[in-house]
Amino acid sequence: LWQQRWPSCPPVGYKLRDPYRGVWVRFHSLPGSKRYAEDE
């Protein structure tokens, strides 16, 4: 299924950015674009 949908990319999420730039989207998880949660 992956190879049918994303033939120009191995099954590695971040590698979708370049060959599929037109459909790539990133959702920020924390306020201020902070990347990692530090507490509950």
PDB file of all heavy atoms in Angstrom:
ATOM      1  N   LEU A   1       0.828  -1.201   0.000  1.00  0.00           N
ATOM      2  CA  LEU A   1       0.000   0.000   0.000  1.00  0.00           C
ATOM      3  C   LEU A   1       0.866   1.257   0.000  1.00  0.00           C
ATOM      4  O   LEU A   1       0.613   2.206  -0.738  1.00  0.00           O
ATOM      5  CB  LEU A   1      -0.944  -0.002   1.206  1.00  0.00           C
ATOM      6  CG  LEU A   1      -1.889   1.183   1.341  1.00  0.00           C
ATOM      7  CD1 LEU A   1      -2.821   1.276   0.139  1.00  0.00           C
ATOM      8  CD2 LEU A   1      -2.688   1.064   2.632  1.00  0.00           C
ATOM      9  N   TRP A   2       1.920   1.266   0.838  1.00  0.00           N
ATOM     10  CA  TRP A   2       2.837   2.415   0.868  1.00  0.00           C
ATOM     11  C   TRP A   2       3.449   2.632  -0.511  1.00  0.00           C
ATOM     12  O   TRP A   2       3.501   3.751  -1.020  1.00  0.00           O
ATOM     13  CB  TRP A   2       3.934   2.203   1.909  1.00  0.00           C
ATOM     14  CG  TRP A   2       4.882   3.365   1.972  1.00  0.00           C
ATOM     15  CD1 TRP A   2       5.909   3.644   1.121  1.00  0.00           C
ATOM     16  CD2 TRP A   2       4.860   4.428   2.924  1.00  0.00           C
ATOM     17  NE1 TRP A   2       6.541   4.811   1.486  1.00  0.00           N
ATOM     18  CE2 TRP A   2       5.911   5.306   2.589  1.00  0.00           C
ATOM     19  CE3 TRP A   2       4.065   4.717   4.027  1.00  0.00           C
ATOM     20  CZ2 TRP A   2       6.186   6.453   3.320  1.00  0.00           C
ATOM     21  CZ3 TRP A   2       4.350   5.863   4.753  1.00  0.00           C
ATOM     22  CH2 TRP A   2       5.400   6.716   4.396  1.00  0.00           C
ATOM     23  N   GLN A   3       3.939   1.568  -1.126  1.00  0.00           N
ATOM     24  CA  GLN A   3       4.597   1.700  -2.431  1.00  0.00           C
ATOM     25  C   GLN A   3       3.641   2.173  -3.517  1.00  0.00           C
ATOM     26  O   GLN A   3       4.049   2.874  -4.439  1.00  0.00           O
ATOM     27  CB  GLN A   3       5.256   0.373  -2.815  1.00  0.00           C
ATOM     28  CG  GLN A   3       6.445   0.066  -1.924  1.00  0.00           C
ATOM     29  CD  GLN A   3       6.999  -1.340  -2.105  1.00  0.00           C
ATOM     30  OE1 GLN A   3       6.369  -2.200  -2.689  1.00  0.00           O
ATOM     31  NE2 GLN A   3       8.188  -1.566  -1.562  1.00  0.00           N
ATOM     32  N   GLN A   4       2.362   1.824  -3.415  1.00  0.00           N
ATOM     33  CA  GLN A   4       1.374   2.316  -4.373  1.00  0.00           C
ATOM     34  C   GLN A   4       1.126   3.812  -4.187  1.00  0.00           C
ATOM     35  O   GLN A   4       1.008   4.548  -5.159  1.00  0.00           O
ATOM     36  CB  GLN A   4       0.046   1.575  -4.203  1.00  0.00           C
ATOM     37  CG  GLN A   4       0.062   0.146  -4.656  1.00  0.00           C
ATOM     38  CD  GLN A   4      -1.234  -0.577  -4.289  1.00  0.00           C
ATOM     39  OE1 GLN A   4      -2.184   0.016  -3.780  1.00  0.00           O
ATOM     40  NE2 GLN A   4      -1.255  -1.875  -4.535  1.00  0.00           N
ATOM     41  N   ARG A   5       1.046   4.235  -2.945  1.00  0.00           N
ATOM     42  CA  ARG A   5       0.690   5.630  -2.664  1.00  0.00           C
ATOM     43  C   ARG A   5       1.880   6.583  -2.697  1.00  0.00           C
ATOM     44  O   ARG A   5       1.727   7.751  -3.014  1.00  0.00           O
ATOM     45  CB  ARG A   5       0.024   5.724  -1.292  1.00  0.00           C
ATOM     46  CG  ARG A   5      -1.211   4.868  -1.194  1.00  0.00           C
ATOM     47  CD  ARG A   5      -2.439   5.695  -0.921  1.00  0.00           C
ATOM     48  NE  ARG A   5      -3.638   4.895  -1.019  1.00  0.00           N
ATOM     49  CZ  ARG A   5      -4.489   4.691  -0.038  1.00  0.00           C
ATOM     50  NH1 ARG A   5      -4.276   5.223   1.136  1.00  0.00           N
ATOM     51  NH2 ARG A   5      -5.559   3.971  -0.233  1.00  0.00           N
ATOM     52  N   TRP A   6       3.047   6.105  -2.298  1.00  0.00           N
ATOM     53  CA  TRP A   6       4.230   6.964  -2.189  1.00  0.00           C
ATOM     54  C   TRP A   6       5.430   6.315  -2.894  1.00  0.00           C
ATOM     55  O   TRP A   6       6.445   6.040  -2.277  1.00  0.00           O
ATOM     56  CB  TRP A   6       4.571   7.216  -0.715  1.00  0.00           C
ATOM     57  CG  TRP A   6       3.391   7.592   0.116  1.00  0.00           C
ATOM     58  CD1 TRP A   6       2.762   6.827   1.043  1.00  0.00           C
ATOM     59  CD2 TRP A   6       2.690   8.832   0.100  1.00  0.00           C
ATOM     60  NE1 TRP A   6       1.712   7.507   1.598  1.00  0.00           N
ATOM     61  CE2 TRP A   6       1.646   8.753   1.036  1.00  0.00           C
ATOM     62  CE3 TRP A   6       2.840  10.015  -0.623  1.00  0.00           C
ATOM     63  CZ2 TRP A   6       0.760   9.798   1.266  1.00  0.00           C
ATOM     64  CZ3 TRP A   6       1.963  11.056  -0.397  1.00  0.00           C
ATOM     65  CH2 TRP A   6       0.944  10.937   0.540  1.00  0.00           C
ATOM     66  N   PRO A   7       5.355   6.085  -4.212  1.00  0.00           N
ATOM     67  CA  PRO A   7       6.400   5.323  -4.904  1.00  0.00           C
ATOM     68  C   PRO A   7       7.778   5.984  -4.925  1.00  0.00           C
ATOM     69  O   PRO A   7       8.776   5.300  -5.116  1.00  0.00           O
ATOM     70  CB  PRO A   7       5.840   5.179  -6.326  1.00  0.00           C
ATOM     71  CG  PRO A   7       4.885   6.314  -6.488  1.00  0.00           C
ATOM     72  CD  PRO A   7       4.298   6.530  -5.118  1.00  0.00           C
ATOM     73  N   SER A   8       7.855   7.274  -4.714  1.00  0.00           N
ATOM     74  CA  SER A   8       9.149   7.965  -4.773  1.00  0.00           C
ATOM     75  C   SER A   8       9.811   8.083  -3.411  1.00  0.00           C
ATOM     76  O   SER A   8      10.737   8.875  -3.248  1.00  0.00           O
ATOM     77  CB  SER A   8       8.958   9.368  -5.360  1.00  0.00           C
ATOM     78  OG  SER A   8       8.476   9.283  -6.675  1.00  0.00           O
ATOM     79  N   CYS A   9       9.359   7.292  -2.431  1.00  0.00           N
ATOM     80  CA  CYS A   9       9.865   7.468  -1.077  1.00  0.00           C
ATOM     81  C   CYS A   9       9.819   6.164  -0.293  1.00  0.00           C
ATOM     82  O   CYS A   9       8.829   5.449  -0.338  1.00  0.00           O
ATOM     83  CB  CYS A   9       9.002   8.521  -0.376  1.00  0.00           C
ATOM     84  SG  CYS A   9       9.537   8.926   1.277  1.00  0.00           S
ATOM     85  N   PRO A  10      10.887   5.848   0.441  1.00  0.00           N
ATOM     86  CA  PRO A  10      10.828   4.685   1.328  1.00  0.00           C
ATOM     87  C   PRO A  10       9.886   4.975   2.492  1.00  0.00           C
ATOM     88  O   PRO A  10       9.526   6.135   2.723  1.00  0.00           O
ATOM     89  CB  PRO A  10      12.279   4.543   1.819  1.00  0.00           C
ATOM     90  CG  PRO A  10      12.833   5.918   1.735  1.00  0.00           C
ATOM     91  CD  PRO A  10      12.152   6.559   0.547  1.00  0.00           C
ATOM     92  N   PRO A  11       9.455   3.975   3.237  1.00  0.00           N
ATOM     93  CA  PRO A  11       8.510   4.207   4.343  1.00  0.00           C
ATOM     94  C   PRO A  11       9.158   4.863   5.560  1.00  0.00           C
ATOM     95  O   PRO A  11       9.270   4.289   6.640  1.00  0.00           O
ATOM     96  CB  PRO A  11       7.973   2.812   4.652  1.00  0.00           C
ATOM     97  CG  PRO A  11       9.047   1.895   4.187  1.00  0.00           C
ATOM     98  CD  PRO A  11       9.721   2.568   3.029  1.00  0.00           C
ATOM     99  N   VAL A  12       9.606   6.086   5.366  1.00  0.00           N
ATOM    100  CA  VAL A  12      10.214   6.887   6.419  1.00  0.00           C
ATOM    101  C   VAL A  12       9.541   8.253   6.356  1.00  0.00           C
ATOM    102  O   VAL A  12       9.719   8.991   5.376  1.00  0.00           O
ATOM    103  CB  VAL A  12      11.742   7.022   6.218  1.00  0.00           C
ATOM    104  CG1 VAL A  12      12.366   7.870   7.310  1.00  0.00           C
ATOM    105  CG2 VAL A  12      12.405   5.649   6.138  1.00  0.00           C
ATOM    106  N   GLY A  13       8.750   8.569   7.383  1.00  0.00           N
ATOM    107  CA  GLY A  13       7.901   9.750   7.361  1.00  0.00           C
ATOM    108  C   GLY A  13       8.560  11.039   6.926  1.00  0.00           C
ATOM    109  O   GLY A  13       8.071  11.731   6.034  1.00  0.00           O
ATOM    110  N   TYR A  14       9.690  11.400   7.533  1.00  0.00           N
ATOM    111  CA  TYR A  14      10.284  12.703   7.229  1.00  0.00           C
ATOM    112  C   TYR A  14      10.802  12.785   5.800  1.00  0.00           C
ATOM    113  O   TYR A  14      10.981  13.875   5.258  1.00  0.00           O
ATOM    114  CB  TYR A  14      11.394  13.051   8.220  1.00  0.00           C
ATOM    115  CG  TYR A  14      12.679  12.278   8.029  1.00  0.00           C
ATOM    116  CD1 TYR A  14      13.675  12.745   7.181  1.00  0.00           C
ATOM    117  CD2 TYR A  14      12.900  11.075   8.690  1.00  0.00           C
ATOM    118  CE1 TYR A  14      14.855  12.053   7.000  1.00  0.00           C
ATOM    119  CE2 TYR A  14      14.071  10.370   8.530  1.00  0.00           C
ATOM    120  CZ  TYR A  14      15.037  10.858   7.677  1.00  0.00           C
ATOM    121  OH  TYR A  14      16.199  10.164   7.490  1.00  0.00           O
ATOM    122  N   LYS A  15      11.014  11.640   5.150  1.00  0.00           N
ATOM    123  CA  LYS A  15      11.504  11.658   3.777  1.00  0.00           C
ATOM    124  C   LYS A  15      10.404  11.995   2.768  1.00  0.00           C
ATOM    125  O   LYS A  15      10.681  12.191   1.596  1.00  0.00           O
ATOM    126  CB  LYS A  15      12.158  10.324   3.432  1.00  0.00           C
ATOM    127  CG  LYS A  15      13.458  10.119   4.179  1.00  0.00           C
ATOM    128  CD  LYS A  15      14.208   8.928   3.678  1.00  0.00           C
ATOM    129  CE  LYS A  15      15.570   8.861   4.374  1.00  0.00           C
ATOM    130  NZ  LYS A  15      16.428   7.855   3.774  1.00  0.00           N
ATOM    131  N   LEU A  16       9.157  12.082   3.228  1.00  0.00           N
ATOM    132  CA  LEU A  16       8.058  12.484   2.352  1.00  0.00           C
ATOM    133  C   LEU A  16       8.134  13.961   1.980  1.00  0.00           C
ATOM    134  O   LEU A  16       7.578  14.386   0.977  1.00  0.00           O
ATOM    135  CB  LEU A  16       6.711  12.220   3.035  1.00  0.00           C
ATOM    136  CG  LEU A  16       6.271  10.770   3.144  1.00  0.00           C
ATOM    137  CD1 LEU A  16       5.132  10.649   4.146  1.00  0.00           C
ATOM    138  CD2 LEU A  16       5.865  10.243   1.791  1.00  0.00           C
ATOM    139  N   ARG A  17       8.824  14.757   2.798  1.00  0.00           N
ATOM    140  CA  ARG A  17       8.856  16.210   2.586  1.00  0.00           C
ATOM    141  C   ARG A  17       9.313  16.612   1.200  1.00  0.00           C
ATOM    142  O   ARG A  17       8.693  17.465   0.567  1.00  0.00           O
ATOM    143  CB  ARG A  17       9.788  16.874   3.599  1.00  0.00           C
ATOM    144  CG  ARG A  17       9.131  17.247   4.871  1.00  0.00           C
ATOM    145  CD  ARG A  17      10.094  17.985   5.741  1.00  0.00           C
ATOM    146  NE  ARG A  17      11.206  17.101   6.066  1.00  0.00           N
ATOM    147  CZ  ARG A  17      11.884  17.138   7.188  1.00  0.00           C
ATOM    148  NH1 ARG A  17      11.606  18.043   8.089  1.00  0.00           N
ATOM    149  NH2 ARG A  17      12.858  16.300   7.421  1.00  0.00           N
ATOM    150  N   ASP A  18      10.411  16.071   0.729  1.00  0.00           N
ATOM    151  CA  ASP A  18      10.963  16.536  -0.543  1.00  0.00           C
ATOM    152  C   ASP A  18      10.185  16.044  -1.766  1.00  0.00           C
ATOM    153  O   ASP A  18       9.724  16.854  -2.553  1.00  0.00           O
ATOM    154  CB  ASP A  18      12.446  16.187  -0.653  1.00  0.00           C
ATOM    155  CG  ASP A  18      13.282  16.984   0.342  1.00  0.00           C
ATOM    156  OD1 ASP A  18      12.931  18.150   0.625  1.00  0.00           O
ATOM    157  OD2 ASP A  18      14.273  16.440   0.852  1.00  0.00           O
ATOM    158  N   PRO A  19      10.012  14.726  -1.961  1.00  0.00           N
ATOM    159  CA  PRO A  19       9.319  14.309  -3.185  1.00  0.00           C
ATOM    160  C   PRO A  19       7.830  14.642  -3.198  1.00  0.00           C
ATOM    161  O   PRO A  19       7.230  14.716  -4.257  1.00  0.00           O
ATOM    162  CB  PRO A  19       9.543  12.797  -3.242  1.00  0.00           C
ATOM    163  CG  PRO A  19       9.853  12.390  -1.847  1.00  0.00           C
ATOM    164  CD  PRO A  19      10.511  13.587  -1.200  1.00  0.00           C
ATOM    165  N   TYR A  20       7.231  14.881  -2.043  1.00  0.00           N
ATOM    166  CA  TYR A  20       5.793  15.153  -1.968  1.00  0.00           C
ATOM    167  C   TYR A  20       5.514  16.493  -1.277  1.00  0.00           C
ATOM    168  O   TYR A  20       4.569  16.633  -0.521  1.00  0.00           O
ATOM    169  CB  TYR A  20       5.074  14.003  -1.257  1.00  0.00           C
ATOM    170  CG  TYR A  20       5.230  12.705  -2.005  1.00  0.00           C
ATOM    171  CD1 TYR A  20       6.131  11.742  -1.577  1.00  0.00           C
ATOM    172  CD2 TYR A  20       4.506  12.474  -3.167  1.00  0.00           C
ATOM    173  CE1 TYR A  20       6.288  10.558  -2.289  1.00  0.00           C
ATOM    174  CE2 TYR A  20       4.660  11.303  -3.878  1.00  0.00           C
ATOM    175  CZ  TYR A  20       5.555  10.345  -3.434  1.00  0.00           C
ATOM    176  OH  TYR A  20       5.716   9.182  -4.143  1.00  0.00           O
ATOM    177  N   ARG A  21       6.329  17.483  -1.590  1.00  0.00           N
ATOM    178  CA  ARG A  21       6.209  18.795  -0.961  1.00  0.00           C
ATOM    179  C   ARG A  21       4.807  19.389  -1.101  1.00  0.00           C
ATOM    180  O   ARG A  21       4.321  20.064  -0.211  1.00  0.00           O
ATOM    181  CB  ARG A  21       7.254  19.751  -1.532  1.00  0.00           C
ATOM    182  CG  ARG A  21       7.278  21.092  -0.837  1.00  0.00           C
ATOM    183  CD  ARG A  21       8.535  21.871  -1.116  1.00  0.00           C
ATOM    184  NE  ARG A  21       9.748  21.276  -0.623  1.00  0.00           N
ATOM    185  CZ  ARG A  21      10.177  21.324   0.633  1.00  0.00           C
ATOM    186  NH1 ARG A  21       9.442  21.902   1.537  1.00  0.00           N
ATOM    187  NH2 ARG A  21      11.308  20.773   0.992  1.00  0.00           N
ATOM    188  N   GLY A  22       4.135  19.107  -2.190  1.00  0.00           N
ATOM    189  CA  GLY A  22       2.812  19.662  -2.430  1.00  0.00           C
ATOM    190  C   GLY A  22       1.733  19.150  -1.491  1.00  0.00           C
ATOM    191  O   GLY A  22       0.692  19.773  -1.347  1.00  0.00           O
ATOM    192  N   VAL A  23       1.970  18.024  -0.843  1.00  0.00           N
ATOM    193  CA  VAL A  23       0.972  17.468   0.083  1.00  0.00           C
ATOM    194  C   VAL A  23       1.518  17.325   1.502  1.00  0.00           C
ATOM    195  O   VAL A  23       0.842  16.805   2.381  1.00  0.00           O
ATOM    196  CB  VAL A  23       0.428  16.102  -0.408  1.00  0.00           C
ATOM    197  CG1 VAL A  23      -0.336  16.272  -1.707  1.00  0.00           C
ATOM    198  CG2 VAL A  23       1.547  15.082  -0.564  1.00  0.00           C
ATOM    199  N   TRP A  24       2.742  17.753   1.724  1.00  0.00           N
ATOM    200  CA  TRP A  24       3.368  17.644   3.042  1.00  0.00           C
ATOM    201  C   TRP A  24       2.750  18.665   3.982  1.00  0.00           C
ATOM    202  O   TRP A  24       2.520  19.809   3.615  1.00  0.00           O
ATOM    203  CB  TRP A  24       4.869  17.887   2.933  1.00  0.00           C
ATOM    204  CG  TRP A  24       5.566  17.945   4.253  1.00  0.00           C
ATOM    205  CD1 TRP A  24       5.932  19.064   4.924  1.00  0.00           C
ATOM    206  CD2 TRP A  24       5.949  16.853   5.075  1.00  0.00           C
ATOM    207  NE1 TRP A  24       6.530  18.739   6.107  1.00  0.00           N
ATOM    208  CE2 TRP A  24       6.552  17.385   6.235  1.00  0.00           C
ATOM    209  CE3 TRP A  24       5.847  15.481   4.945  1.00  0.00           C
ATOM    210  CZ2 TRP A  24       7.045  16.581   7.250  1.00  0.00           C
ATOM    211  CZ3 TRP A  24       6.339  14.684   5.961  1.00  0.00           C
ATOM    212  CH2 TRP A  24       6.935  15.234   7.090  1.00  0.00           C
ATOM    213  N   VAL A  25       2.480  18.258   5.207  1.00  0.00           N
ATOM    214  CA  VAL A  25       1.969  19.176   6.212  1.00  0.00           C
ATOM    215  C   VAL A  25       2.591  18.797   7.556  1.00  0.00           C
ATOM    216  O   VAL A  25       2.876  17.630   7.807  1.00  0.00           O
ATOM    217  CB  VAL A  25       0.422  19.146   6.285  1.00  0.00           C
ATOM    218  CG1 VAL A  25      -0.079  17.806   6.751  1.00  0.00           C
ATOM    219  CG2 VAL A  25      -0.097  20.246   7.184  1.00  0.00           C
ATOM    220  N   ARG A  26       2.811  19.796   8.360  1.00  0.00           N
ATOM    221  CA  ARG A  26       3.351  19.550   9.697  1.00  0.00           C
ATOM    222  C   ARG A  26       2.445  20.239  10.701  1.00  0.00           C
ATOM    223  O   ARG A  26       2.106  21.411  10.540  1.00  0.00           O
ATOM    224  CB  ARG A  26       4.760  20.101   9.823  1.00  0.00           C
ATOM    225  CG  ARG A  26       5.319  19.893  11.216  1.00  0.00           C
ATOM    226  CD  ARG A  26       6.731  20.404  11.318  1.00  0.00           C
ATOM    227  NE  ARG A  26       7.190  20.263  12.690  1.00  0.00           N
ATOM    228  CZ  ARG A  26       8.340  20.695  13.123  1.00  0.00           C
ATOM    229  NH1 ARG A  26       9.168  21.289  12.300  1.00  0.00           N
ATOM    230  NH2 ARG A  26       8.682  20.536  14.366  1.00  0.00           N
ATOM    231  N   PHE A  27       2.050  19.515  11.727  1.00  0.00           N
ATOM    232  CA  PHE A  27       1.238  20.072  12.788  1.00  0.00           C
ATOM    233  C   PHE A  27       2.119  20.265  14.007  1.00  0.00           C
ATOM    234  O   PHE A  27       2.785  19.324  14.441  1.00  0.00           O
ATOM    235  CB  PHE A  27       0.077  19.133  13.129  1.00  0.00           C
ATOM    236  CG  PHE A  27      -0.880  18.961  11.992  1.00  0.00           C
ATOM    237  CD1 PHE A  27      -0.791  17.866  11.158  1.00  0.00           C
ATOM    238  CD2 PHE A  27      -1.859  19.912  11.747  1.00  0.00           C
ATOM    239  CE1 PHE A  27      -1.668  17.711  10.097  1.00  0.00           C
ATOM    240  CE2 PHE A  27      -2.735  19.763  10.691  1.00  0.00           C
ATOM    241  CZ  PHE A  27      -2.642  18.657   9.865  1.00  0.00           C
ATOM    242  N   HIS A  28       2.128  21.467  14.539  1.00  0.00           N
ATOM    243  CA  HIS A  28       2.910  21.731  15.733  1.00  0.00           C
ATOM    244  C   HIS A  28       2.171  21.166  16.940  1.00  0.00           C
ATOM    245  O   HIS A  28       0.966  21.343  17.088  1.00  0.00           O
ATOM    246  CB  HIS A  28       3.169  23.229  15.893  1.00  0.00           C
ATOM    247  CG  HIS A  28       4.075  23.749  14.834  1.00  0.00           C
ATOM    248  ND1 HIS A  28       5.441  23.760  14.963  1.00  0.00           N
ATOM    249  CD2 HIS A  28       3.815  24.243  13.603  1.00  0.00           C
ATOM    250  CE1 HIS A  28       5.983  24.240  13.871  1.00  0.00           C
ATOM    251  NE2 HIS A  28       5.017  24.545  13.021  1.00  0.00           N
ATOM    252  N   SER A  29       2.900  20.486  17.782  1.00  0.00           N
ATOM    253  CA  SER A  29       2.290  19.765  18.897  1.00  0.00           C
ATOM    254  C   SER A  29       2.116  20.596  20.153  1.00  0.00           C
ATOM    255  O   SER A  29       1.254  20.312  20.966  1.00  0.00           O
ATOM    256  CB  SER A  29       3.145  18.538  19.237  1.00  0.00           C
ATOM    257  OG  SER A  29       3.261  17.717  18.108  1.00  0.00           O
ATOM    258  N   LEU A  30       2.926  21.598  20.323  1.00  0.00           N
ATOM    259  CA  LEU A  30       2.887  22.401  21.549  1.00  0.00           C
ATOM    260  C   LEU A  30       2.892  23.890  21.209  1.00  0.00           C
ATOM    261  O   LEU A  30       3.382  24.285  20.148  1.00  0.00           O
ATOM    262  CB  LEU A  30       4.082  22.079  22.444  1.00  0.00           C
ATOM    263  CG  LEU A  30       4.059  20.694  23.086  1.00  0.00           C
ATOM    264  CD1 LEU A  30       5.427  20.339  23.641  1.00  0.00           C
ATOM    265  CD2 LEU A  30       3.010  20.639  24.179  1.00  0.00           C
ATOM    266  N   PRO A  31       2.371  24.708  22.104  1.00  0.00           N
ATOM    267  CA  PRO A  31       2.407  26.162  21.882  1.00  0.00           C
ATOM    268  C   PRO A  31       3.834  26.654  21.644  1.00  0.00           C
ATOM    269  O   PRO A  31       4.797  26.099  22.188  1.00  0.00           O
ATOM    270  CB  PRO A  31       1.837  26.733  23.183  1.00  0.00           C
ATOM    271  CG  PRO A  31       0.998  25.638  23.751  1.00  0.00           C
ATOM    272  CD  PRO A  31       1.692  24.361  23.348  1.00  0.00           C
ATOM    273  N   GLY A  32       3.957  27.668  20.822  1.00  0.00           N
ATOM    274  CA  GLY A  32       5.272  28.238  20.544  1.00  0.00           C
ATOM    275  C   GLY A  32       6.160  27.330  19.711  1.00  0.00           C
ATOM    276  O   GLY A  32       7.372  27.492  19.692  1.00  0.00           O
ATOM    277  N   SER A  33       5.570  26.363  19.020  1.00  0.00           N
ATOM    278  CA  SER A  33       6.306  25.392  18.195  1.00  0.00           C
ATOM    279  C   SER A  33       7.311  24.566  18.993  1.00  0.00           C
ATOM    280  O   SER A  33       8.258  24.016  18.429  1.00  0.00           O
ATOM    281  CB  SER A  33       7.015  26.085  17.028  1.00  0.00           C
ATOM    282  OG  SER A  33       6.069  26.685  16.179  1.00  0.00           O
ATOM    283  N   LYS A  34       7.116  24.465  20.280  1.00  0.00           N
ATOM    284  CA  LYS A  34       7.967  23.617  21.113  1.00  0.00           C
ATOM    285  C   LYS A  34       7.824  22.183  20.633  1.00  0.00           C
ATOM    286  O   LYS A  34       6.730  21.723  20.325  1.00  0.00           O
ATOM    287  CB  LYS A  34       7.533  23.744  22.580  1.00  0.00           C
ATOM    288  CG  LYS A  34       8.419  22.994  23.538  1.00  0.00           C
ATOM    289  CD  LYS A  34       7.983  23.274  24.967  1.00  0.00           C
ATOM    290  CE  LYS A  34       8.815  22.483  25.940  1.00  0.00           C
ATOM    291  NZ  LYS A  34       8.397  22.728  27.316  1.00  0.00           N
ATOM    292  N   ARG A  35       8.922  21.453  20.552  1.00  0.00           N
ATOM    293  CA  ARG A  35       8.900  20.132  19.937  1.00  0.00           C
ATOM    294  C   ARG A  35       8.581  19.001  20.900  1.00  0.00           C
ATOM    295  O   ARG A  35       7.946  18.031  20.510  1.00  0.00           O
ATOM    296  CB  ARG A  35      10.241  19.863  19.272  1.00  0.00           C
ATOM    297  CG  ARG A  35      10.460  20.780  18.076  1.00  0.00           C
ATOM    298  CD  ARG A  35      11.660  20.395  17.312  1.00  0.00           C
ATOM    299  NE  ARG A  35      11.361  19.174  16.575  1.00  0.00           N
ATOM    300  CZ  ARG A  35      11.970  18.802  15.484  1.00  0.00           C
ATOM    301  NH1 ARG A  35      12.920  19.528  14.989  1.00  0.00           N
ATOM    302  NH2 ARG A  35      11.653  17.680  14.875  1.00  0.00           N
ATOM    303  N   TYR A  36       9.028  19.057  22.137  1.00  0.00           N
ATOM    304  CA  TYR A  36       8.894  17.916  23.037  1.00  0.00           C
ATOM    305  C   TYR A  36       8.218  18.305  24.349  1.00  0.00           C
ATOM    306  O   TYR A  36       8.576  19.317  24.952  1.00  0.00           O
ATOM    307  CB  TYR A  36      10.258  17.297  23.334  1.00  0.00           C
ATOM    308  CG  TYR A  36      10.986  16.876  22.080  1.00  0.00           C
ATOM    309  CD1 TYR A  36      12.045  17.611  21.585  1.00  0.00           C
ATOM    310  CD2 TYR A  36      10.574  15.750  21.371  1.00  0.00           C
ATOM    311  CE1 TYR A  36      12.697  17.244  20.422  1.00  0.00           C
ATOM    312  CE2 TYR A  36      11.217  15.365  20.207  1.00  0.00           C
ATOM    313  CZ  TYR A  36      12.277  16.109  19.736  1.00  0.00           C
ATOM    314  OH  TYR A  36      12.915  15.738  18.580  1.00  0.00           O
ATOM    315  N   ALA A  37       7.276  17.484  24.764  1.00  0.00           N
ATOM    316  CA  ALA A  37       6.611  17.706  26.046  1.00  0.00           C
ATOM    317  C   ALA A  37       7.583  17.411  27.180  1.00  0.00           C
ATOM    318  O   ALA A  37       8.381  16.481  27.097  1.00  0.00           O
ATOM    319  CB  ALA A  37       5.391  16.803  26.153  1.00  0.00           C
ATOM    320  N   GLU A  38       7.497  18.221  28.228  1.00  0.00           N
ATOM    321  CA  GLU A  38       8.396  18.039  29.374  1.00  0.00           C
ATOM    322  C   GLU A  38       7.673  17.637  30.646  1.00  0.00           C
ATOM    323  O   GLU A  38       8.317  17.264  31.621  1.00  0.00           O
ATOM    324  CB  GLU A  38       9.191  19.326  29.608  1.00  0.00           C
ATOM    325  CG  GLU A  38      10.134  19.648  28.467  1.00  0.00           C
ATOM    326  CD  GLU A  38      10.881  20.949  28.693  1.00  0.00           C
ATOM    327  OE1 GLU A  38      10.751  21.559  29.776  1.00  0.00           O
ATOM    328  OE2 GLU A  38      11.604  21.365  27.771  1.00  0.00           O
ATOM    329  N   ASP A  39       6.345  17.747  30.661  1.00  0.00           N
ATOM    330  CA  ASP A  39       5.605  17.362  31.861  1.00  0.00           C
ATOM    331  C   ASP A  39       4.217  16.865  31.461  1.00  0.00           C
ATOM    332  O   ASP A  39       3.846  16.892  30.292  1.00  0.00           O
ATOM    333  CB  ASP A  39       5.523  18.515  32.868  1.00  0.00           C
ATOM    334  CG  ASP A  39       4.877  19.763  32.300  1.00  0.00           C
ATOM    335  OD1 ASP A  39       3.905  19.642  31.512  1.00  0.00           O
ATOM    336  OD2 ASP A  39       5.320  20.873  32.657  1.00  0.00           O
ATOM    337  N   GLU A  40       3.443  16.398  32.457  1.00  0.00           N
ATOM    338  CA  GLU A  40       2.135  15.810  32.175  1.00  0.00           C
ATOM    339  C   GLU A  40       1.172  16.796  31.515  1.00  0.00           C
ATOM    340  O   GLU A  40       0.399  16.421  30.638  1.00  0.00           O
ATOM    341  CB  GLU A  40       1.515  15.252  33.458  1.00  0.00           C
ATOM    342  CG  GLU A  40       2.171  13.967  33.941  1.00  0.00           C
ATOM    343  CD  GLU A  40       2.111  12.837  32.919  1.00  0.00           C
ATOM    344  OE1 GLU A  40       1.037  12.622  32.307  1.00  0.00           O
ATOM    345  OE2 GLU A  40       3.143  12.173  32.720  1.00  0.00           O
TER     346      GLU A  40
END
